[in-house]
Amino acid sequence: MQRTENSQSEENPRFRRMMYLLILALLAGYAGFKAWHLSVAFEAWDGQVLEGTVSGAAK
């Protein structure tokens, strides 16, 4: 079976390490963005009072 260019690059340890680092960086960026988004959402939500009963609202 002949090796293709993709399988050679995927077996390259440097390429594999860089891909793992890229995935880790993307996950860390997503977690950071999500934490920021939640902090903004909770800050906006803090202190708001519903006026009257809201049917169908989450309990």
Protein backbone atom coordinates (compact mmCIF):
# COMPACT_ATOMS: atom_id res chain seq x y z
CA MET A 1 0.00 0.00 0.00
CA GLN A 2 1.38 3.38 -0.97
CA ARG A 3 1.70 6.19 1.52
CA THR A 4 -0.09 9.37 0.68
CA GLU A 5 1.05 12.84 1.54
CA ASN A 6 -1.62 13.15 4.26
CA SER A 7 -0.63 10.01 6.14
CA GLN A 8 3.03 11.08 6.13
CA SER A 9 2.19 14.49 7.58
CA GLU A 10 -0.17 12.97 10.15
CA GLU A 11 2.61 10.65 11.32
CA ASN A 12 5.04 13.54 11.65
CA PRO A 13 5.47 14.14 15.42
CA ARG A 14 5.89 17.90 14.98
CA PHE A 15 2.70 18.16 12.93
CA ARG A 16 0.77 16.05 15.43
CA ARG A 17 2.04 18.17 18.37
CA MET A 18 1.07 21.38 16.58
CA MET A 19 -2.44 20.05 15.91
CA TYR A 20 -2.87 19.11 19.58
CA LEU A 21 -1.69 22.58 20.60
CA LEU A 22 -4.12 24.16 18.14
CA ILE A 23 -7.01 22.12 19.53
CA LEU A 24 -6.00 23.00 23.09
CA ALA A 25 -5.76 26.71 22.22
CA LEU A 26 -9.19 26.65 20.58
CA LEU A 27 -10.73 24.90 23.59
CA ALA A 28 -9.10 27.37 25.99
CA GLY A 29 -10.35 30.28 23.87
CA TYR A 30 -13.86 28.85 23.83
CA ALA A 31 -13.83 28.34 27.61
CA GLY A 32 -12.57 31.90 28.13
CA PHE A 33 -15.20 33.37 25.84
CA LYS A 34 -17.93 31.33 27.50
CA ALA A 35 -16.82 32.46 30.98
CA TRP A 36 -16.85 36.10 29.83
CA HIS A 37 -20.28 35.63 28.22
CA LEU A 38 -21.72 34.09 31.40
CA SER A 39 -20.28 36.85 33.58
CA VAL A 40 -21.89 39.50 31.35
CA ALA A 41 -25.20 37.60 31.37
CA PHE A 42 -25.25 37.19 35.14
CA GLU A 43 -24.30 40.83 35.64
CA ALA A 44 -27.22 41.90 33.44
CA TRP A 45 -29.56 39.46 35.19
CA ASP A 46 -28.56 40.49 38.72
CA GLY A 47 -31.14 42.68 40.37
CA GLN A 48 -33.83 42.35 37.72
CA VAL A 49 -37.26 41.69 39.16
CA LEU A 50 -40.14 40.18 37.21
CA GLU A 51 -43.35 42.13 37.50
CA GLY A 52 -46.20 39.73 38.14
CA THR A 53 -46.52 36.08 37.22
CA VAL A 54 -44.99 34.83 34.00
CA SER A 55 -46.66 31.70 32.71
CA GLY A 56 -44.40 29.11 31.12
CA ALA A 57 -41.22 30.50 32.70
CA ALA A 58 -38.56 28.13 33.97
CA LYS A 59 -38.87 27.44 37.67
